[in-house]
Amino acid sequence: MVIAYVVTTVLAAAAALLAAGIDVVRADWVRANMRAYGVPGSWLVPLAVIKAIGGAGLVVGLAVPPIGAAAAAGLVVYFAGAVLTVVRARWYAHIGYPLPYLMLASASLALSIAS
């Protein structure tokens, strides 16, 4: 169980940090998608900071479990909001973008609670 928790948490942290990095460099496709979803471009950096803090919290959580659980819970809420944003915009073909992040964060939270 501990190995599954560590692997899942490291993957979730890497995914969140990668997503934050993509937001920070303001890739054209990200900005276009955000506009299509009705999210202002000025939100990219604050959203990236939230993802980066969540990813860093997952890594810290490997040593301090309550921080990891809190970070995982925060990322679950964040990515659930991202899924809802895509659904609200009715871009159902894009649901595959935030869903894997949500599943990784959820798995990390569940394994954190279980161990």
N, C-alpha and C. Protein backbone atom coordinates (compact mmCIF):
# COMPACT_ATOMS: atom_id res chain seq x y z
N MET A 1 0.83 -1.19 0.00
CA MET A 1 0.00 0.00 0.00
C MET A 1 0.87 1.25 0.00
N VAL A 2 1.97 1.22 0.75
CA VAL A 2 2.84 2.39 0.83
C VAL A 2 3.47 2.68 -0.53
N ILE A 3 3.87 1.63 -1.24
CA ILE A 3 4.48 1.83 -2.56
C ILE A 3 3.47 2.45 -3.51
N ALA A 4 2.25 1.96 -3.50
CA ALA A 4 1.20 2.53 -4.36
C ALA A 4 0.97 4.00 -4.03
N TYR A 5 0.95 4.33 -2.74
CA TYR A 5 0.76 5.71 -2.31
C TYR A 5 1.89 6.59 -2.82
N VAL A 6 3.12 6.16 -2.64
CA VAL A 6 4.27 6.96 -3.06
C VAL A 6 4.28 7.15 -4.57
N VAL A 7 4.08 6.09 -5.32
CA VAL A 7 4.09 6.19 -6.79
C VAL A 7 2.97 7.10 -7.28
N THR A 8 1.77 6.90 -6.76
CA THR A 8 0.63 7.71 -7.18
C THR A 8 0.83 9.17 -6.81
N THR A 9 1.34 9.42 -5.62
CA THR A 9 1.55 10.79 -5.17
C THR A 9 2.64 11.48 -5.98
N VAL A 10 3.70 10.78 -6.29
CA VAL A 10 4.77 11.38 -7.11
C VAL A 10 4.23 11.69 -8.51
N LEU A 11 3.45 10.78 -9.08
CA LEU A 11 2.86 11.03 -10.40
C LEU A 11 1.89 12.22 -10.35
N ALA A 12 1.07 12.28 -9.32
CA ALA A 12 0.12 13.39 -9.18
C ALA A 12 0.85 14.72 -9.01
N ALA A 13 1.92 14.71 -8.21
CA ALA A 13 2.71 15.93 -8.01
C ALA A 13 3.37 16.36 -9.32
N ALA A 14 3.96 15.41 -10.03
CA ALA A 14 4.61 15.73 -11.30
C ALA A 14 3.60 16.29 -12.30
N ALA A 15 2.42 15.69 -12.35
CA ALA A 15 1.38 16.16 -13.28
C ALA A 15 0.93 17.57 -12.92
N ALA A 16 0.72 17.83 -11.64
CA ALA A 16 0.27 19.17 -11.22
C ALA A 16 1.36 20.21 -11.50
N LEU A 17 2.60 19.86 -11.23
CA LEU A 17 3.69 20.80 -11.48
C LEU A 17 3.89 21.04 -12.97
N LEU A 18 3.74 20.01 -13.77
CA LEU A 18 3.84 20.16 -15.22
C LEU A 18 2.71 21.06 -15.74
N ALA A 19 1.50 20.83 -15.26
CA ALA A 19 0.37 21.66 -15.67
C ALA A 19 0.59 23.11 -15.26
N ALA A 20 1.15 23.32 -14.08
CA ALA A 20 1.44 24.69 -13.63
C ALA A 20 2.48 25.33 -14.54
N GLY A 21 3.50 24.58 -14.90
CA GLY A 21 4.53 25.11 -15.79
C GLY A 21 3.98 25.49 -17.15
N ILE A 22 3.09 24.68 -17.68
CA ILE A 22 2.47 24.98 -18.97
C ILE A 22 1.65 26.27 -18.87
N ASP A 23 0.97 26.45 -17.75
CA ASP A 23 0.20 27.69 -17.56
C ASP A 23 1.12 28.91 -17.46
N VAL A 24 2.25 28.74 -16.79
CA VAL A 24 3.17 29.87 -16.60
C VAL A 24 3.76 30.33 -17.93
N VAL A 25 4.09 29.39 -18.81
CA VAL A 25 4.66 29.79 -20.11
C VAL A 25 3.58 30.30 -21.06
N ARG A 26 2.33 30.19 -20.64
CA ARG A 26 1.19 30.73 -21.39
C ARG A 26 1.15 30.21 -22.82
N ALA A 27 1.16 28.89 -22.95
CA ALA A 27 1.09 28.26 -24.26
C ALA A 27 -0.17 28.74 -24.99
N ASP A 28 -0.03 28.92 -26.29
CA ASP A 28 -1.16 29.43 -27.08
C ASP A 28 -2.40 28.56 -26.96
N TRP A 29 -2.22 27.24 -26.99
CA TRP A 29 -3.38 26.35 -26.93
C TRP A 29 -4.08 26.43 -25.57
N VAL A 30 -3.31 26.71 -24.52
CA VAL A 30 -3.92 26.86 -23.19
C VAL A 30 -4.75 28.14 -23.16
N ARG A 31 -4.18 29.22 -23.65
CA ARG A 31 -4.91 30.48 -23.66
C ARG A 31 -6.18 30.39 -24.51
N ALA A 32 -6.09 29.71 -25.64
CA ALA A 32 -7.27 29.55 -26.51
C ALA A 32 -8.35 28.73 -25.81
N ASN A 33 -7.94 27.65 -25.15
CA ASN A 33 -8.92 26.83 -24.43
C ASN A 33 -9.56 27.61 -23.29
N MET A 34 -8.75 28.36 -22.55
CA MET A 34 -9.30 29.13 -21.43
C MET A 34 -10.33 30.14 -21.93
N ARG A 35 -10.03 30.80 -23.05
CA ARG A 35 -11.01 31.74 -23.62
C ARG A 35 -12.29 31.01 -24.00
N ALA A 36 -12.14 29.84 -24.60
CA ALA A 36 -13.31 29.06 -25.03
C ALA A 36 -14.15 28.62 -23.83
N TYR A 37 -13.50 28.39 -22.70
CA TYR A 37 -14.22 27.97 -21.49
C TYR A 37 -14.81 29.15 -20.73
N GLY A 38 -14.46 30.36 -21.15
CA GLY A 38 -14.96 31.55 -20.47
C GLY A 38 -14.13 31.96 -19.27
N VAL A 39 -12.88 31.51 -19.22
CA VAL A 39 -11.98 31.85 -18.11
C VAL A 39 -11.06 32.97 -18.59
N PRO A 40 -10.99 34.08 -17.86
CA PRO A 40 -10.13 35.19 -18.28
C PRO A 40 -8.66 34.78 -18.31
N GLY A 41 -7.92 35.30 -19.27
CA GLY A 41 -6.50 35.02 -19.39
C GLY A 41 -5.70 35.46 -18.17
N SER A 42 -6.19 36.46 -17.48
CA SER A 42 -5.48 36.96 -16.30
C SER A 42 -5.49 35.94 -15.16
N TRP A 43 -6.30 34.92 -15.27
CA TRP A 43 -6.37 33.90 -14.22
C TRP A 43 -5.30 32.82 -14.38
N LEU A 44 -4.60 32.80 -15.51
CA LEU A 44 -3.64 31.72 -15.76
C LEU A 44 -2.57 31.61 -14.67
N VAL A 45 -1.94 32.71 -14.33
CA VAL A 45 -0.87 32.65 -13.34
C VAL A 45 -1.40 32.27 -11.95
N PRO A 46 -2.49 32.88 -11.46
CA PRO A 46 -3.00 32.43 -10.15
C PRO A 46 -3.39 30.95 -10.14
N LEU A 47 -3.97 30.47 -11.23
CA LEU A 47 -4.33 29.05 -11.29
C LEU A 47 -3.07 28.18 -11.32
N ALA A 48 -2.04 28.65 -12.00
CA ALA A 48 -0.77 27.92 -12.02
C ALA A 48 -0.16 27.86 -10.62
N VAL A 49 -0.26 28.94 -9.89
CA VAL A 49 0.28 28.97 -8.52
C VAL A 49 -0.46 27.95 -7.64
N ILE A 50 -1.76 27.88 -7.79
CA ILE A 50 -2.54 26.91 -7.01
C ILE A 50 -2.09 25.49 -7.32
N LYS A 51 -1.91 25.18 -8.61
CA LYS A 51 -1.46 23.84 -9.00
C LYS A 51 -0.06 23.57 -8.49
N ALA A 52 0.82 24.56 -8.56
CA ALA A 52 2.21 24.37 -8.10
C ALA A 52 2.25 24.14 -6.59
N ILE A 53 1.46 24.89 -5.85
CA ILE A 53 1.41 24.70 -4.39
C ILE A 53 0.86 23.31 -4.07
N GLY A 54 -0.16 22.89 -4.80
CA GLY A 54 -0.72 21.55 -4.60
C GLY A 54 0.31 20.47 -4.89
N GLY A 55 1.03 20.61 -6.00
CA GLY A 55 2.06 19.63 -6.35
C GLY A 55 3.18 19.59 -5.33
N ALA A 56 3.62 20.77 -4.89
CA ALA A 56 4.66 20.82 -3.86
C ALA A 56 4.15 20.24 -2.55
N GLY A 57 2.90 20.50 -2.22
CA GLY A 57 2.31 19.95 -1.00
C GLY A 57 2.25 18.44 -1.03
N LEU A 58 2.00 17.87 -2.20
CA LEU A 58 2.02 16.40 -2.31
C LEU A 58 3.40 15.84 -2.02
N VAL A 59 4.42 16.52 -2.53
CA VAL A 59 5.80 16.06 -2.29
C VAL A 59 6.14 16.19 -0.81
N VAL A 60 5.81 17.31 -0.20
CA VAL A 60 6.06 17.50 1.23
C VAL A 60 5.27 16.47 2.03
N GLY A 61 4.09 16.13 1.53
CA GLY A 61 3.23 15.16 2.21
C GLY A 61 3.82 13.77 2.31
N LEU A 62 4.82 13.47 1.50
CA LEU A 62 5.49 12.17 1.64
C LEU A 62 6.21 12.08 2.98
N ALA A 63 6.64 13.23 3.50
CA ALA A 63 7.30 13.26 4.81
C ALA A 63 6.34 13.68 5.92
N VAL A 64 5.37 14.54 5.60
CA VAL A 64 4.41 15.03 6.57
C VAL A 64 3.01 14.72 6.04
N PRO A 65 2.47 13.54 6.35
CA PRO A 65 1.22 13.07 5.74
C PRO A 65 0.02 14.03 5.80
N PRO A 66 -0.20 14.77 6.88
CA PRO A 66 -1.36 15.67 6.86
C PRO A 66 -1.28 16.75 5.77
N ILE A 67 -0.07 17.21 5.48
CA ILE A 67 0.10 18.20 4.42
C ILE A 67 -0.22 17.57 3.07
N GLY A 68 0.21 16.34 2.87
CA GLY A 68 -0.08 15.64 1.62
C GLY A 68 -1.56 15.42 1.43
N ALA A 69 -2.25 15.05 2.50
CA ALA A 69 -3.70 14.84 2.40
C ALA A 69 -4.41 16.15 2.08
N ALA A 70 -3.97 17.23 2.72
CA ALA A 70 -4.58 18.54 2.45
C ALA A 70 -4.31 18.98 1.01
N ALA A 71 -3.09 18.76 0.54
CA ALA A 71 -2.75 19.13 -0.83
C ALA A 71 -3.56 18.30 -1.83
N ALA A 72 -3.68 17.01 -1.56
CA ALA A 72 -4.45 16.15 -2.46
C ALA A 72 -5.92 16.58 -2.47
N ALA A 73 -6.46 16.89 -1.31
CA ALA A 73 -7.86 17.34 -1.25
C ALA A 73 -8.03 18.65 -2.02
N GLY A 74 -7.09 19.55 -1.87
CA GLY A 74 -7.14 20.81 -2.60
C GLY A 74 -7.09 20.60 -4.11
N LEU A 75 -6.22 19.69 -4.55
CA LEU A 75 -6.14 19.40 -5.98
C LEU A 75 -7.39 18.70 -6.50
N VAL A 76 -7.99 17.86 -5.68
CA VAL A 76 -9.26 17.23 -6.08
C VAL A 76 -10.31 18.31 -6.31
N VAL A 77 -10.42 19.25 -5.40
CA VAL A 77 -11.39 20.33 -5.56
C VAL A 77 -11.06 21.17 -6.79
N TYR A 78 -9.78 21.48 -6.96
CA TYR A 78 -9.35 22.29 -8.10
C TYR A 78 -9.71 21.62 -9.42
N PHE A 79 -9.32 20.35 -9.57
CA PHE A 79 -9.55 19.68 -10.84
C PHE A 79 -11.02 19.29 -11.05
N ALA A 80 -11.76 19.11 -9.97
CA ALA A 80 -13.22 18.93 -10.11
C ALA A 80 -13.82 20.22 -10.67
N GLY A 81 -13.32 21.35 -10.20
CA GLY A 81 -13.75 22.64 -10.75
C GLY A 81 -13.37 22.78 -12.21
N ALA A 82 -12.20 22.27 -12.58
CA ALA A 82 -11.78 22.33 -13.99
C ALA A 82 -12.70 21.48 -14.86
N VAL A 83 -13.06 20.29 -14.36
CA VAL A 83 -13.99 19.43 -15.11
C VAL A 83 -15.34 20.14 -15.26
N LEU A 84 -15.82 20.74 -14.19
CA LEU A 84 -17.10 21.46 -14.25
C LEU A 84 -17.03 22.65 -15.21
N THR A 85 -15.88 23.30 -15.27
CA THR A 85 -15.72 24.44 -16.18
C THR A 85 -15.82 23.98 -17.63
N VAL A 86 -15.20 22.85 -17.94
CA VAL A 86 -15.27 22.31 -19.30
C VAL A 86 -16.71 21.89 -19.63
N VAL A 87 -17.37 21.26 -18.68
CA VAL A 87 -18.76 20.84 -18.90
C VAL A 87 -19.66 22.06 -19.06
N ARG A 88 -19.46 23.07 -18.22
CA ARG A 88 -20.27 24.29 -18.32
C ARG A 88 -20.12 24.95 -19.68
N ALA A 89 -18.89 24.90 -20.24
CA ALA A 89 -18.64 25.47 -21.56
C ALA A 89 -19.14 24.57 -22.69
N ARG A 90 -19.58 23.37 -22.33
CA ARG A 90 -20.10 22.38 -23.28
C ARG A 90 -19.07 21.94 -24.30
N TRP A 91 -17.82 21.86 -23.86
CA TRP A 91 -16.74 21.35 -24.70
C TRP A 91 -16.43 19.93 -24.23
N TYR A 92 -17.37 19.06 -24.42
CA TYR A 92 -17.27 17.70 -23.89
C TYR A 92 -16.06 16.94 -24.44
N ALA A 93 -15.62 17.30 -25.62
CA ALA A 93 -14.44 16.64 -26.20
C ALA A 93 -13.18 16.98 -25.41
N HIS A 94 -13.21 18.06 -24.62
CA HIS A 94 -12.04 18.47 -23.84
C HIS A 94 -12.05 17.92 -22.42
N ILE A 95 -13.02 17.12 -22.08
CA ILE A 95 -13.12 16.61 -20.71
C ILE A 95 -11.89 15.76 -20.37
N GLY A 96 -11.25 15.23 -21.39
CA GLY A 96 -10.05 14.42 -21.18
C GLY A 96 -8.84 15.20 -20.71
N TYR A 97 -8.88 16.53 -20.76
CA TYR A 97 -7.74 17.31 -20.29
C TYR A 97 -7.66 17.33 -18.76
N PRO A 98 -8.69 17.76 -18.06
CA PRO A 98 -8.57 17.81 -16.59
C PRO A 98 -8.84 16.48 -15.88
N LEU A 99 -9.52 15.56 -16.55
CA LEU A 99 -9.94 14.32 -15.88
C LEU A 99 -8.78 13.46 -15.37
N PRO A 100 -7.70 13.25 -16.13
CA PRO A 100 -6.59 12.46 -15.59
C PRO A 100 -5.96 13.09 -14.34
N TYR A 101 -5.88 14.42 -14.32
CA TYR A 101 -5.35 15.10 -13.15
C TYR A 101 -6.24 14.87 -11.93
N LEU A 102 -7.55 14.94 -12.18
CA LEU A 102 -8.51 14.69 -11.10
C LEU A 102 -8.38 13.27 -10.58
N MET A 103 -8.23 12.32 -11.47
CA MET A 103 -8.11 10.92 -11.04
C MET A 103 -6.82 10.69 -10.25
N LEU A 104 -5.71 11.29 -10.68
CA LEU A 104 -4.45 11.13 -9.94
C LEU A 104 -4.55 11.76 -8.55
N ALA A 105 -5.10 12.97 -8.48
CA ALA A 105 -5.25 13.62 -7.18
C ALA A 105 -6.19 12.84 -6.27
N SER A 106 -7.27 12.30 -6.84
CA SER A 106 -8.22 11.50 -6.05
C SER A 106 -7.57 10.23 -5.54
N ALA A 107 -6.79 9.58 -6.39
CA ALA A 107 -6.10 8.35 -5.97
C ALA A 107 -5.09 8.65 -4.89
N SER A 108 -4.38 9.76 -5.02
CA SER A 108 -3.41 10.14 -4.00
C SER A 108 -4.12 10.40 -2.66
N LEU A 109 -5.24 11.10 -2.72
CA LEU A 109 -6.02 11.37 -1.49
C LEU A 109 -6.52 10.07 -0.87
N ALA A 110 -7.08 9.21 -1.69
CA ALA A 110 -7.62 7.95 -1.16
C ALA A 110 -6.52 7.09 -0.53
N LEU A 111 -5.38 7.00 -1.20
CA LEU A 111 -4.27 6.20 -0.66
C LEU A 111 -3.66 6.86 0.58
N SER A 112 -3.68 8.18 0.61
CA SER A 112 -3.19 8.89 1.78
C SER A 112 -4.05 8.59 3.01
N ILE A 113 -5.35 8.59 2.80
CA ILE A 113 -6.28 8.28 3.88
C ILE A 113 -6.17 6.82 4.31
N ALA A 114 -5.99 5.94 3.33
CA ALA A 114 -5.91 4.50 3.62
C ALA A 114 -4.63 4.12 4.34
N SER A 115 -3.56 4.88 4.14
CA SER A 115 -2.29 4.50 4.77
C SER A 115 -1.99 5.36 5.94
